[in-house]
Protein backbone atom coordinates (compact mmCIF):
# COMPACT_ATOMS: atom_id res chain seq x y z
CA UNK A 1 138.23 40.62 166.36
CA UNK A 2 142.04 40.79 166.32
CA UNK A 3 144.05 43.85 165.30
CA UNK A 4 145.88 41.63 162.76
CA UNK A 5 142.88 40.23 160.82
CA UNK A 6 143.99 38.49 157.74
CA UNK A 7 142.79 39.98 154.45
CA UNK A 8 141.22 37.63 151.98
CA UNK A 9 143.22 36.90 148.88
CA UNK A 10 142.06 38.71 145.79
CA UNK A 11 140.31 36.43 143.34
CA UNK A 12 140.73 37.70 139.71
CA UNK A 13 138.35 36.53 136.94
CA UNK A 14 140.18 34.18 134.73
CA UNK A 15 138.85 35.85 131.61
CA UNK A 16 140.40 39.21 132.65
CA UNK A 17 143.79 37.63 133.41
CA UNK A 18 143.79 35.70 130.08
CA UNK A 19 142.84 38.80 128.06
CA UNK A 20 145.58 40.94 129.68
CA UNK A 21 148.13 38.15 129.19
CA UNK A 22 146.94 37.92 125.52
CA UNK A 23 147.32 41.79 125.15
CA UNK A 24 150.91 41.68 126.49
CA UNK A 25 151.87 38.76 124.17
CA UNK A 26 150.24 40.45 121.17
CA UNK A 27 152.00 43.91 121.76
CA UNK A 28 155.58 43.13 122.15
CA UNK A 29 155.72 41.00 125.30
CA UNK A 30 155.54 43.87 127.83
CA UNK A 31 153.07 46.57 128.69
CA UNK A 32 152.53 49.38 131.28
CA UNK A 33 149.46 49.64 133.30
CA UNK A 34 147.93 52.84 134.63
CA UNK A 35 145.45 52.24 137.41
CA UNK A 36 142.59 54.73 137.33
CA UNK A 37 139.71 54.47 139.99
CA UNK A 38 136.34 55.10 138.25
CA UNK A 39 134.02 55.28 141.32
CA UNK A 40 131.67 52.47 142.25
CA UNK A 41 132.42 50.64 139.05
CA UNK A 42 135.93 49.80 140.10
CA UNK A 43 139.33 50.51 138.70
CA UNK A 44 140.12 50.97 134.99
CA UNK A 45 143.44 49.31 134.14
CA UNK A 46 144.64 51.14 131.02
CA UNK A 47 147.33 49.14 129.11
CA UNK A 48 149.95 50.58 126.86
CA UNK A 49 151.80 47.88 125.03
CA UNK A 50 155.48 48.15 124.16
CA UNK A 51 154.32 48.98 120.58
CA UNK A 52 152.21 51.79 121.95
CA UNK A 53 148.77 50.14 121.31
CA UNK A 54 146.20 50.94 124.01
CA UNK A 55 143.91 48.49 125.77
CA UNK A 56 141.93 48.47 129.00
CA UNK A 57 140.03 46.30 131.40
CA UNK A 58 137.97 47.17 134.56
CA UNK A 59 138.38 45.25 137.80
CA UNK A 60 136.49 45.53 141.07
CA UNK A 61 138.88 47.56 143.18
CA UNK A 62 142.46 48.76 143.57
CA UNK A 63 143.55 45.60 145.29
CA UNK A 64 142.37 43.54 142.28
CA UNK A 65 144.17 45.96 139.93
CA UNK A 66 147.47 45.63 141.73
CA UNK A 67 147.03 41.86 141.86
CA UNK A 68 146.48 41.76 138.09
CA UNK A 69 149.73 43.74 137.62
CA UNK A 70 151.56 41.28 139.88
CA UNK A 71 150.03 38.22 138.20
CA UNK A 72 150.74 39.04 134.50
CA UNK A 73 154.37 38.62 133.39
CA UNK A 74 155.69 41.63 131.47
CA UNK A 75 153.17 44.08 132.95
CA UNK A 76 154.42 46.96 135.05
CA UNK A 77 152.53 49.65 136.92
CA UNK A 78 153.04 53.35 136.08
CA UNK A 79 152.39 55.85 138.84
CA UNK A 80 150.59 58.17 136.42
CA UNK A 81 150.27 59.24 132.88
CA UNK A 82 153.57 61.01 132.23
CA UNK A 83 155.23 62.46 129.14
CA UNK A 84 157.15 59.37 128.26
CA UNK A 85 154.06 57.15 128.53
CA UNK A 86 151.77 59.42 126.62
CA UNK A 87 154.29 59.94 123.81
CA UNK A 88 154.31 56.22 122.92
CA UNK A 89 150.58 55.62 123.37
CA UNK A 90 149.07 55.07 119.85
CA UNK A 91 145.33 54.30 119.61
CA UNK A 92 144.46 51.56 117.06
CA UNK A 93 142.69 52.68 113.85
CA UNK A 94 139.05 52.94 114.58
CA UNK A 95 139.70 53.31 118.38
CA UNK A 96 138.13 56.77 118.16
CA UNK A 97 134.99 55.24 116.77
CA UNK A 98 134.61 52.67 119.60
CA UNK A 99 135.00 55.48 122.10
CA UNK A 100 132.66 57.85 120.29
CA UNK A 101 129.68 55.37 120.27
CA UNK A 102 126.75 56.48 118.19
CA UNK A 103 128.55 59.65 117.20
CA UNK A 104 131.08 57.66 115.23
CA UNK A 105 128.45 56.80 112.55
CA UNK A 106 127.58 60.39 111.91
CA UNK A 107 128.68 61.67 108.44
CA UNK A 108 128.75 65.38 109.31
CA UNK A 109 131.63 65.09 111.70
CA UNK A 110 135.35 65.41 110.59
CA UNK A 111 137.51 62.29 110.62
CA UNK A 112 139.92 61.84 113.53
CA UNK A 113 143.40 63.08 112.93
CA UNK A 114 144.87 59.58 113.04
CA UNK A 115 142.37 58.28 110.42
CA UNK A 116 143.74 59.03 106.91
């Protein structure tokens, strides 16, 4: 085996690329991606549209996440969650319910602060 073994090109699922392109188009034509490894599952690519709306996709590994950022026009990678990025992030209405799962349907819990 040579020391300069070629790495195989990253193959991204078309559905993921299409959904991220759609997200970018729907939320102002640009978005920032924060890449967050989540163990064996892969890497969570959290998207923050230029309008502040959040979205996310999970890909197999960091190489795939970086390839996704390189593939989608208008998508840039952030090094981390910083003050500027978190200040524009605005969850959609009912986003809290999606994240809460079964708890979201409980009547005895208070409403989220962004649900008026």
